[in-house]
Amino acid sequence: MAATFAWEKSNGAGQTITTATEINWKNVDDNTTAYSASPITSGNNSFEQWLAGHFSGSFNQISAGLYEHTATAFADPTHTILKGAKAMTADGDRLTYTTPAVAANANLTRDITAVTAIGSGAAVWFGATSANASGKAATMTTNPCWTNYLTTQLQTTAGIPAGDTRAASA
């Protein structure tokens, strides 16, 4: 059986949920503005990206989910820090949606700046109603189902050169 997967992104004070059309760290909380039109300035942070996976289609069970930064190293990891949600070990570990902001989110405790193999990723849990709802578990048979929030935020320190977070050269 094949599950169908889609990224969902939440924005705004009222938690508007849409299918993600872009997932760029930028200085605006929306799902449409080009990151080049809303750059993150040196020493500041992006708005958080409140992402969740949504599974539908035909499946018996969703389990063993992992989430990680797996590709494209930052050219300047000294001044560019990518923060993410901690691994799920209990339903209480899930993040509850808050209006995205540029202030450093203290709940994003994992430094996921370095590229890491997915096998070493953070555990993702699943629930029957939404990313924000309680009742997450390591395995879910309810169709459809959603992951916990897989929130990230790009944080910079003073001294980062202007420009894209281009990939490091080999």
C-alpha atoms as a PDB file:
ATOM      1  CA  MET A   1       0.000   0.000   0.000  1.00  0.00           C
ATOM      2  CA  ALA A   2       1.181   3.500  -0.759  1.00  0.00           C
ATOM      3  CA  ALA A   3       0.828   6.465   1.531  1.00  0.00           C
ATOM      4  CA  THR A   4       0.615   9.959   0.048  1.00  0.00           C
ATOM      5  CA  PHE A   5       2.753  12.581   1.786  1.00  0.00           C
ATOM      6  CA  ALA A   6       2.519  16.381   1.695  1.00  0.00           C
ATOM      7  CA  TRP A   7       4.243  19.134   3.643  1.00  0.00           C
ATOM      8  CA  GLU A   8       1.913  21.534   5.423  1.00  0.00           C
ATOM      9  CA  LYS A   9       2.992  24.937   6.688  1.00  0.00           C
ATOM     10  CA  SER A  10       1.301  27.005   9.385  1.00  0.00           C
ATOM     11  CA  ASN A  11       1.434  30.797   9.389  1.00  0.00           C
ATOM     12  CA  GLY A  12      -0.120  33.740  11.171  1.00  0.00           C
ATOM     13  CA  ALA A  13      -1.817  34.452  14.456  1.00  0.00           C
ATOM     14  CA  GLY A  14      -4.758  32.241  13.541  1.00  0.00           C
ATOM     15  CA  GLN A  15      -2.650  29.269  12.451  1.00  0.00           C
ATOM     16  CA  THR A  16      -3.514  29.304   8.760  1.00  0.00           C
ATOM     17  CA  ILE A  17      -2.515  25.874   7.422  1.00  0.00           C
ATOM     18  CA  THR A  18      -1.689  25.451   3.740  1.00  0.00           C
ATOM     19  CA  THR A  19       0.173  22.979   1.575  1.00  0.00           C
ATOM     20  CA  ALA A  20       3.737  24.269   1.585  1.00  0.00           C
ATOM     21  CA  THR A  21       4.684  25.823  -1.741  1.00  0.00           C
ATOM     22  CA  GLU A  22       8.058  27.000  -0.464  1.00  0.00           C
ATOM     23  CA  ILE A  23      10.036  26.435   2.691  1.00  0.00           C
ATOM     24  CA  ASN A  24      12.533  29.281   2.893  1.00  0.00           C
ATOM     25  CA  TRP A  25      13.871  30.939   6.004  1.00  0.00           C
ATOM     26  CA  LYS A  26      13.141  34.636   5.623  1.00  0.00           C
ATOM     27  CA  ASN A  27      12.135  37.818   7.429  1.00  0.00           C
ATOM     28  CA  VAL A  28       8.385  37.453   6.865  1.00  0.00           C
ATOM     29  CA  ASP A  29       5.730  35.024   8.085  1.00  0.00           C
ATOM     30  CA  ASP A  30       4.002  33.823   4.938  1.00  0.00           C
ATOM     31  CA  ASN A  31       3.936  31.075   2.369  1.00  0.00           C
ATOM     32  CA  THR A  32       4.367  33.205  -0.756  1.00  0.00           C
ATOM     33  CA  THR A  33       6.962  36.003  -0.473  1.00  0.00           C
ATOM     34  CA  ALA A  34      10.302  35.228  -2.111  1.00  0.00           C
ATOM     35  CA  TYR A  35      13.077  34.975   0.458  1.00  0.00           C
ATOM     36  CA  SER A  36      15.078  37.476  -1.645  1.00  0.00           C
ATOM     37  CA  ALA A  37      12.370  40.089  -0.936  1.00  0.00           C
ATOM     38  CA  SER A  38      12.608  39.551   2.851  1.00  0.00           C
ATOM     39  CA  PRO A  39      16.243  38.913   3.752  1.00  0.00           C
ATOM     40  CA  ILE A  40      17.447  38.074   7.237  1.00  0.00           C
ATOM     41  CA  THR A  41      19.947  40.716   8.303  1.00  0.00           C
ATOM     42  CA  SER A  42      23.209  39.989  10.096  1.00  0.00           C
ATOM     43  CA  GLY A  43      22.709  39.096  13.742  1.00  0.00           C
ATOM     44  CA  ASN A  44      18.979  38.434  13.360  1.00  0.00           C
ATOM     45  CA  ASN A  45      16.783  35.367  12.960  1.00  0.00           C
ATOM     46  CA  SER A  46      14.291  34.155  10.421  1.00  0.00           C
ATOM     47  CA  PHE A  47      10.660  33.720  11.285  1.00  0.00           C
ATOM     48  CA  GLU A  48      10.128  30.135  12.423  1.00  0.00           C
ATOM     49  CA  GLN A  49       8.991  27.614   9.830  1.00  0.00           C
ATOM     50  CA  TRP A  50       6.097  25.624  11.357  1.00  0.00           C
ATOM     51  CA  LEU A  51       6.042  22.494   9.176  1.00  0.00           C
ATOM     52  CA  ALA A  52       4.244  19.188   9.515  1.00  0.00           C
ATOM     53  CA  GLY A  53       3.902  16.109   7.380  1.00  0.00           C
ATOM     54  CA  HIS A  54       0.423  14.960   6.319  1.00  0.00           C
ATOM     55  CA  PHE A  55      -0.162  11.329   5.322  1.00  0.00           C
ATOM     56  CA  SER A  56      -3.200  10.109   3.396  1.00  0.00           C
ATOM     57  CA  GLY A  57      -3.887   7.539   0.678  1.00  0.00           C
ATOM     58  CA  SER A  58      -3.799   3.814   1.324  1.00  0.00           C
ATOM     59  CA  PHE A  59      -1.713   2.529   4.208  1.00  0.00           C
ATOM     60  CA  ASN A  60      -1.948   0.263   7.220  1.00  0.00           C
ATOM     61  CA  GLN A  61       0.531   2.016   9.485  1.00  0.00           C
ATOM     62  CA  ILE A  62       2.909   4.978   9.588  1.00  0.00           C
ATOM     63  CA  SER A  63       5.912   4.549  11.882  1.00  0.00           C
ATOM     64  CA  ALA A  64       9.660   5.018  12.381  1.00  0.00           C
ATOM     65  CA  GLY A  65       9.642   8.670  11.278  1.00  0.00           C
ATOM     66  CA  LEU A  66      12.884  10.644  11.354  1.00  0.00           C
ATOM     67  CA  TYR A  67      13.595  14.318  10.580  1.00  0.00           C
ATOM     68  CA  GLU A  68      16.985  15.902   9.961  1.00  0.00           C
ATOM     69  CA  HIS A  69      18.993  18.440   7.940  1.00  0.00           C
ATOM     70  CA  THR A  70      20.402  15.979   5.382  1.00  0.00           C
ATOM     71  CA  ALA A  71      21.800  18.049   2.510  1.00  0.00           C
ATOM     72  CA  THR A  72      23.538  21.299   1.571  1.00  0.00           C
ATOM     73  CA  ALA A  73      25.997  22.473   4.213  1.00  0.00           C
ATOM     74  CA  PHE A  74      25.959  26.178   4.992  1.00  0.00           C
ATOM     75  CA  ALA A  75      28.912  28.148   3.618  1.00  0.00           C
ATOM     76  CA  ASP A  76      29.318  29.976   6.936  1.00  0.00           C
ATOM     77  CA  PRO A  77      28.274  27.654   9.782  1.00  0.00           C
ATOM     78  CA  THR A  78      30.143  29.870  12.245  1.00  0.00           C
ATOM     79  CA  HIS A  79      27.563  32.635  11.816  1.00  0.00           C
ATOM     80  CA  THR A  80      24.580  30.551  10.616  1.00  0.00           C
ATOM     81  CA  ILE A  81      22.802  28.270  13.089  1.00  0.00           C
ATOM     82  CA  LEU A  82      19.812  26.133  12.143  1.00  0.00           C
ATOM     83  CA  LYS A  83      17.708  25.234  15.171  1.00  0.00           C
ATOM     84  CA  GLY A  84      15.070  22.498  15.242  1.00  0.00           C
ATOM     85  CA  ALA A  85      12.609  20.752  17.509  1.00  0.00           C
ATOM     86  CA  LYS A  86      13.857  18.021  19.818  1.00  0.00           C
ATOM     87  CA  ALA A  87      13.242  14.356  19.127  1.00  0.00           C
ATOM     88  CA  MET A  88       9.906  12.933  20.243  1.00  0.00           C
ATOM     89  CA  THR A  89      10.029  10.485  23.156  1.00  0.00           C
ATOM     90  CA  ALA A  90       6.587  11.274  24.594  1.00  0.00           C
ATOM     91  CA  ASP A  91       3.477  13.149  23.474  1.00  0.00           C
ATOM     92  CA  GLY A  92       4.484  16.000  25.778  1.00  0.00           C
ATOM     93  CA  ASP A  93       7.609  16.618  23.656  1.00  0.00           C
ATOM     94  CA  ARG A  94       5.546  17.999  20.768  1.00  0.00           C
ATOM     95  CA  LEU A  95       5.603  21.708  20.055  1.00  0.00           C
ATOM     96  CA  THR A  96       2.315  23.590  20.264  1.00  0.00           C
ATOM     97  CA  TYR A  97       1.853  26.218  17.572  1.00  0.00           C
ATOM     98  CA  THR A  98       2.587  29.822  18.392  1.00  0.00           C
ATOM     99  CA  THR A  99       2.520  32.767  16.016  1.00  0.00           C
ATOM    100  CA  PRO A 100       5.841  32.723  14.134  1.00  0.00           C
ATOM    101  CA  ALA A 101       8.326  35.321  15.327  1.00  0.00           C
ATOM    102  CA  VAL A 102      11.941  36.356  14.805  1.00  0.00           C
ATOM    103  CA  ALA A 103      12.831  36.062  18.492  1.00  0.00           C
ATOM    104  CA  ALA A 104      14.924  32.964  19.163  1.00  0.00           C
ATOM    105  CA  ASN A 105      12.504  30.146  19.999  1.00  0.00           C
ATOM    106  CA  ALA A 106      13.818  28.565  23.206  1.00  0.00           C
ATOM    107  CA  ASN A 107      11.865  25.371  22.427  1.00  0.00           C
ATOM    108  CA  LEU A 108      14.047  24.727  19.388  1.00  0.00           C
ATOM    109  CA  THR A 109      16.799  22.980  21.310  1.00  0.00           C
ATOM    110  CA  ARG A 110      18.508  20.906  18.603  1.00  0.00           C
ATOM    111  CA  ASP A 111      21.343  22.446  16.616  1.00  0.00           C
ATOM    112  CA  ILE A 112      20.799  20.945  13.169  1.00  0.00           C
ATOM    113  CA  THR A 113      23.279  23.189  11.339  1.00  0.00           C
ATOM    114  CA  ALA A 114      25.533  20.318  10.263  1.00  0.00           C
ATOM    115  CA  VAL A 115      24.421  17.952   7.524  1.00  0.00           C
ATOM    116  CA  THR A 116      23.508  14.637   9.170  1.00  0.00           C
ATOM    117  CA  ALA A 117      22.461  11.250   7.785  1.00  0.00           C
ATOM    118  CA  ILE A 118      18.734  10.595   8.156  1.00  0.00           C
ATOM    119  CA  GLY A 119      19.446   7.473  10.208  1.00  0.00           C
ATOM    120  CA  SER A 120      20.720   9.783  12.967  1.00  0.00           C
ATOM    121  CA  GLY A 121      17.680  12.065  12.721  1.00  0.00           C
ATOM    122  CA  ALA A 122      15.242  13.088  15.426  1.00  0.00           C
ATOM    123  CA  ALA A 123      12.263  10.807  16.048  1.00  0.00           C
ATOM    124  CA  VAL A 124       8.965  12.024  14.600  1.00  0.00           C
ATOM    125  CA  TRP A 125       5.591  10.982  16.027  1.00  0.00           C
ATOM    126  CA  PHE A 126       2.164  10.887  14.431  1.00  0.00           C
ATOM    127  CA  GLY A 127      -1.375  11.839  15.388  1.00  0.00           C
ATOM    128  CA  ALA A 128      -4.887  11.414  14.071  1.00  0.00           C
ATOM    129  CA  THR A 129      -6.042  15.020  13.811  1.00  0.00           C
ATOM    130  CA  SER A 130      -3.369  17.714  13.304  1.00  0.00           C
ATOM    131  CA  ALA A 131       0.210  18.668  14.051  1.00  0.00           C
ATOM    132  CA  ASN A 132      -0.982  20.838  16.936  1.00  0.00           C
ATOM    133  CA  ALA A 133      -3.190  18.218  18.604  1.00  0.00           C
ATOM    134  CA  SER A 134      -2.192  15.994  21.489  1.00  0.00           C
ATOM    135  CA  GLY A 135      -2.212  12.222  21.155  1.00  0.00           C
ATOM    136  CA  LYS A 136       1.013  11.742  19.196  1.00  0.00           C
ATOM    137  CA  ALA A 137       2.569   8.264  19.109  1.00  0.00           C
ATOM    138  CA  ALA A 138       5.521   6.550  17.418  1.00  0.00           C
ATOM    139  CA  THR A 139       3.090   4.540  15.273  1.00  0.00           C
ATOM    140  CA  MET A 140      -0.254   5.567  13.792  1.00  0.00           C
ATOM    141  CA  THR A 141      -2.866   3.552  11.907  1.00  0.00           C
ATOM    142  CA  THR A 142      -5.460   6.324  11.603  1.00  0.00           C
ATOM    143  CA  ASN A 143      -5.842   7.642   8.066  1.00  0.00           C
ATOM    144  CA  PRO A 144      -5.168  10.481   7.521  1.00  0.00           C
ATOM    145  CA  CYS A 145      -2.505  11.341  10.074  1.00  0.00           C
ATOM    146  CA  TRP A 146      -0.070  14.160  10.769  1.00  0.00           C
ATOM    147  CA  THR A 147       3.412  14.444  12.225  1.00  0.00           C
ATOM    148  CA  ASN A 148       4.242  16.573  15.228  1.00  0.00           C
ATOM    149  CA  TYR A 149       5.438  20.062  14.266  1.00  0.00           C
ATOM    150  CA  LEU A 150       8.910  19.919  12.719  1.00  0.00           C
ATOM    151  CA  THR A 151       9.687  23.554  13.396  1.00  0.00           C
ATOM    152  CA  THR A 152      12.960  25.189  12.355  1.00  0.00           C
ATOM    153  CA  GLN A 153      14.499  28.639  12.629  1.00  0.00           C
ATOM    154  CA  LEU A 154      17.610  30.054  10.974  1.00  0.00           C
ATOM    155  CA  GLN A 155      19.581  32.159  13.442  1.00  0.00           C
ATOM    156  CA  THR A 156      22.537  34.349  12.516  1.00  0.00           C
ATOM    157  CA  THR A 157      25.249  36.061  14.485  1.00  0.00           C
ATOM    158  CA  ALA A 158      26.789  39.456  13.788  1.00  0.00           C
ATOM    159  CA  GLY A 159      29.484  39.289  11.172  1.00  0.00           C
ATOM    160  CA  ILE A 160      27.786  37.000   8.696  1.00  0.00           C
ATOM    161  CA  PRO A 161      28.428  38.215   5.168  1.00  0.00           C
ATOM    162  CA  ALA A 162      25.420  39.470   3.207  1.00  0.00           C
ATOM    163  CA  GLY A 163      23.903  37.100   0.659  1.00  0.00           C
ATOM    164  CA  ASP A 164      22.324  33.701   0.339  1.00  0.00           C
ATOM    165  CA  THR A 165      23.052  30.825   2.695  1.00  0.00           C
ATOM    166  CA  ARG A 166      24.913  29.270  -0.174  1.00  0.00           C
ATOM    167  CA  ALA A 167      26.316  25.792   0.009  1.00  0.00           C
ATOM    168  CA  ALA A 168      29.855  25.245   1.165  1.00  0.00           C
ATOM    169  CA  SER A 169      32.301  24.506  -1.609  1.00  0.00           C
ATOM    170  CA  ALA A 170      34.163  21.203  -1.639  1.00  0.00           C
END
